Amino acid sequence: MADPQLLGGEQRDDAAALVGDDHLFLDDVLGLMTRYAAVLMILFVIVATRISHRFWPLQGAKRRTQAVQFAKNAAIIGGFLFVFATGAGRASLDRWRRRVE
């Protein structure tokens, strides 16, 4: 969870995990509208990263911690870019829908 001082001094729930879990289930397990879900998740992670992991105004250990979290989110974005580029795969609902139409 992000540092409460970066979020205006109040503790907030980790809504990113809840939203992310639902999207990951739909696009990875079911393969339903995978590329659209990947784009939405990329946008979501970019916004969440800019809000929660602002390491540039910090110093010392807090800066390192937030920089690592920022880099982690950049890697997650890279994973979603891979999903966007490759699509859902053979056993997906997207592929099944294309065969039916």
C-alpha atoms as a PDB file:
ATOM      1  CA  MET A   1       0.000   0.000   0.000  1.00  0.00           C
ATOM      2  CA  ALA A   2       1.214   3.508  -0.742  1.00  0.00           C
ATOM      3  CA  ASP A   3       2.653   5.783   1.906  1.00  0.00           C
ATOM      4  CA  PRO A   4      -0.271   7.625   3.600  1.00  0.00           C
ATOM      5  CA  GLN A   5       1.708  10.880   3.524  1.00  0.00           C
ATOM      6  CA  LEU A   6       1.721  10.759  -0.272  1.00  0.00           C
ATOM      7  CA  LEU A   7      -2.053  10.321  -0.290  1.00  0.00           C
ATOM      8  CA  GLY A   8      -2.913  13.401   1.728  1.00  0.00           C
ATOM      9  CA  GLY A   9      -2.282  11.871   5.162  1.00  0.00           C
ATOM     10  CA  GLU A  10      -5.148   9.389   5.175  1.00  0.00           C
ATOM     11  CA  GLN A  11      -5.100   5.630   4.859  1.00  0.00           C
ATOM     12  CA  ARG A  12      -6.917   4.287   1.784  1.00  0.00           C
ATOM     13  CA  ASP A  13      -8.048   0.810   0.788  1.00  0.00           C
ATOM     14  CA  ASP A  14      -6.123  -1.003  -1.903  1.00  0.00           C
ATOM     15  CA  ALA A  15      -8.836  -0.735  -4.550  1.00  0.00           C
ATOM     16  CA  ALA A  16      -6.263  -1.407  -7.271  1.00  0.00           C
ATOM     17  CA  ALA A  17      -5.989  -5.024  -6.200  1.00  0.00           C
ATOM     18  CA  LEU A  18      -9.760  -5.496  -6.278  1.00  0.00           C
ATOM     19  CA  VAL A  19     -10.190  -3.932  -9.725  1.00  0.00           C
ATOM     20  CA  GLY A  20      -7.105  -5.656 -11.076  1.00  0.00           C
ATOM     21  CA  ASP A  21      -8.203  -9.102  -9.894  1.00  0.00           C
ATOM     22  CA  ASP A  22     -11.532  -8.856 -11.718  1.00  0.00           C
ATOM     23  CA  HIS A  23      -9.897  -7.794 -14.973  1.00  0.00           C
ATOM     24  CA  LEU A  24      -7.193 -10.419 -14.716  1.00  0.00           C
ATOM     25  CA  PHE A  25      -9.850 -13.111 -14.298  1.00  0.00           C
ATOM     26  CA  LEU A  26     -11.770 -11.938 -17.362  1.00  0.00           C
ATOM     27  CA  ASP A  27      -8.858 -11.502 -19.721  1.00  0.00           C
ATOM     28  CA  ASP A  28      -6.430 -14.218 -18.583  1.00  0.00           C
ATOM     29  CA  VAL A  29      -8.717 -17.060 -17.559  1.00  0.00           C
ATOM     30  CA  LEU A  30     -11.663 -16.539 -19.875  1.00  0.00           C
ATOM     31  CA  GLY A  31      -9.876 -14.724 -22.674  1.00  0.00           C
ATOM     32  CA  LEU A  32     -12.834 -12.387 -23.139  1.00  0.00           C
ATOM     33  CA  MET A  33     -12.020  -9.070 -24.851  1.00  0.00           C
ATOM     34  CA  THR A  34      -8.394  -9.496 -23.845  1.00  0.00           C
ATOM     35  CA  ARG A  35      -6.909  -6.617 -25.789  1.00  0.00           C
ATOM     36  CA  TYR A  36      -9.528  -4.151 -24.532  1.00  0.00           C
ATOM     37  CA  ALA A  37      -8.966  -5.302 -20.958  1.00  0.00           C
ATOM     38  CA  ALA A  38      -5.189  -4.968 -21.414  1.00  0.00           C
ATOM     39  CA  VAL A  39      -5.542  -1.360 -22.617  1.00  0.00           C
ATOM     40  CA  LEU A  40      -7.832  -0.508 -19.693  1.00  0.00           C
ATOM     41  CA  MET A  41      -5.427  -2.086 -17.236  1.00  0.00           C
ATOM     42  CA  ILE A  42      -2.467  -0.223 -18.766  1.00  0.00           C
ATOM     43  CA  LEU A  43      -4.312   3.073 -18.294  1.00  0.00           C
ATOM     44  CA  PHE A  44      -5.346   2.113 -14.768  1.00  0.00           C
ATOM     45  CA  VAL A  45      -1.814   1.131 -13.724  1.00  0.00           C
ATOM     46  CA  ILE A  46      -0.391   4.354 -15.202  1.00  0.00           C
ATOM     47  CA  VAL A  47      -2.836   6.465 -13.192  1.00  0.00           C
ATOM     48  CA  ALA A  48      -2.358   4.407 -10.014  1.00  0.00           C
ATOM     49  CA  THR A  49       1.415   4.598 -10.370  1.00  0.00           C
ATOM     50  CA  ARG A  50       1.416   8.368 -10.829  1.00  0.00           C
ATOM     51  CA  ILE A  51      -0.802   8.789  -7.762  1.00  0.00           C
ATOM     52  CA  SER A  52       0.647   6.194  -5.386  1.00  0.00           C
ATOM     53  CA  HIS A  53       4.353   5.887  -6.200  1.00  0.00           C
ATOM     54  CA  ARG A  54       5.650   9.430  -6.572  1.00  0.00           C
ATOM     55  CA  PHE A  55       9.248   8.817  -5.556  1.00  0.00           C
ATOM     56  CA  TRP A  56      10.813  11.986  -6.982  1.00  0.00           C
ATOM     57  CA  PRO A  57      10.031  14.347  -4.046  1.00  0.00           C
ATOM     58  CA  LEU A  58      11.222  11.811  -1.427  1.00  0.00           C
ATOM     59  CA  GLN A  59      14.665  11.147   0.040  1.00  0.00           C
ATOM     60  CA  GLY A  60      16.487   8.127   1.465  1.00  0.00           C
ATOM     61  CA  ALA A  61      14.775   4.824   2.172  1.00  0.00           C
ATOM     62  CA  LYS A  62      11.305   6.102   1.307  1.00  0.00           C
ATOM     63  CA  ARG A  63      12.563   7.160  -2.123  1.00  0.00           C
ATOM     64  CA  ARG A  64      14.115   3.734  -2.749  1.00  0.00           C
ATOM     65  CA  THR A  65      10.950   1.939  -1.654  1.00  0.00           C
ATOM     66  CA  GLN A  66       8.703   4.032  -3.881  1.00  0.00           C
ATOM     67  CA  ALA A  67      11.166   3.795  -6.800  1.00  0.00           C
ATOM     68  CA  VAL A  68      11.052  -0.006  -6.546  1.00  0.00           C
ATOM     69  CA  GLN A  69       7.244   0.070  -6.515  1.00  0.00           C
ATOM     70  CA  PHE A  70       7.280   2.433  -9.504  1.00  0.00           C
ATOM     71  CA  ALA A  71       9.585   0.046 -11.394  1.00  0.00           C
ATOM     72  CA  LYS A  72       7.326  -2.891 -10.456  1.00  0.00           C
ATOM     73  CA  ASN A  73       4.344  -1.105 -11.945  1.00  0.00           C
ATOM     74  CA  ALA A  74       6.363  -0.316 -15.078  1.00  0.00           C
ATOM     75  CA  ALA A  75       7.017  -4.071 -15.400  1.00  0.00           C
ATOM     76  CA  ILE A  76       3.295  -4.780 -14.955  1.00  0.00           C
ATOM     77  CA  ILE A  77       2.574  -2.321 -17.772  1.00  0.00           C
ATOM     78  CA  GLY A  78       5.094  -4.221 -19.897  1.00  0.00           C
ATOM     79  CA  GLY A  79       3.221  -7.447 -19.183  1.00  0.00           C
ATOM     80  CA  PHE A  80      -0.069  -5.893 -20.219  1.00  0.00           C
ATOM     81  CA  LEU A  81       1.586  -4.587 -23.403  1.00  0.00           C
ATOM     82  CA  PHE A  82       2.644  -8.175 -24.146  1.00  0.00           C
ATOM     83  CA  VAL A  83      -0.933  -9.390 -23.599  1.00  0.00           C
ATOM     84  CA  PHE A  84      -2.188  -6.606 -25.865  1.00  0.00           C
ATOM     85  CA  ALA A  85       0.301  -7.546 -28.592  1.00  0.00           C
ATOM     86  CA  THR A  86      -0.270 -11.305 -28.467  1.00  0.00           C
ATOM     87  CA  GLY A  87      -3.997 -11.522 -27.717  1.00  0.00           C
ATOM     88  CA  ALA A  88      -5.884 -14.151 -25.784  1.00  0.00           C
ATOM     89  CA  GLY A  89      -4.586 -17.438 -27.170  1.00  0.00           C
ATOM     90  CA  ARG A  90      -6.078 -20.667 -28.480  1.00  0.00           C
ATOM     91  CA  ALA A  91      -8.352 -21.591 -25.577  1.00  0.00           C
ATOM     92  CA  SER A  92     -10.037 -18.199 -25.234  1.00  0.00           C
ATOM     93  CA  LEU A  93     -13.616 -17.067 -25.568  1.00  0.00           C
ATOM     94  CA  ASP A  94     -12.439 -14.431 -28.067  1.00  0.00           C
ATOM     95  CA  ARG A  95     -11.197 -17.128 -30.438  1.00  0.00           C
ATOM     96  CA  TRP A  96     -14.335 -19.231 -29.908  1.00  0.00           C
ATOM     97  CA  ARG A  97     -16.524 -16.203 -30.744  1.00  0.00           C
ATOM     98  CA  ARG A  98     -14.600 -15.613 -33.976  1.00  0.00           C
ATOM     99  CA  ARG A  99     -15.161 -19.227 -35.054  1.00  0.00           C
ATOM    100  CA  VAL A 100     -18.905 -19.052 -34.359  1.00  0.00           C
ATOM    101  CA  GLU A 101     -19.486 -15.816 -36.298  1.00  0.00           C
END
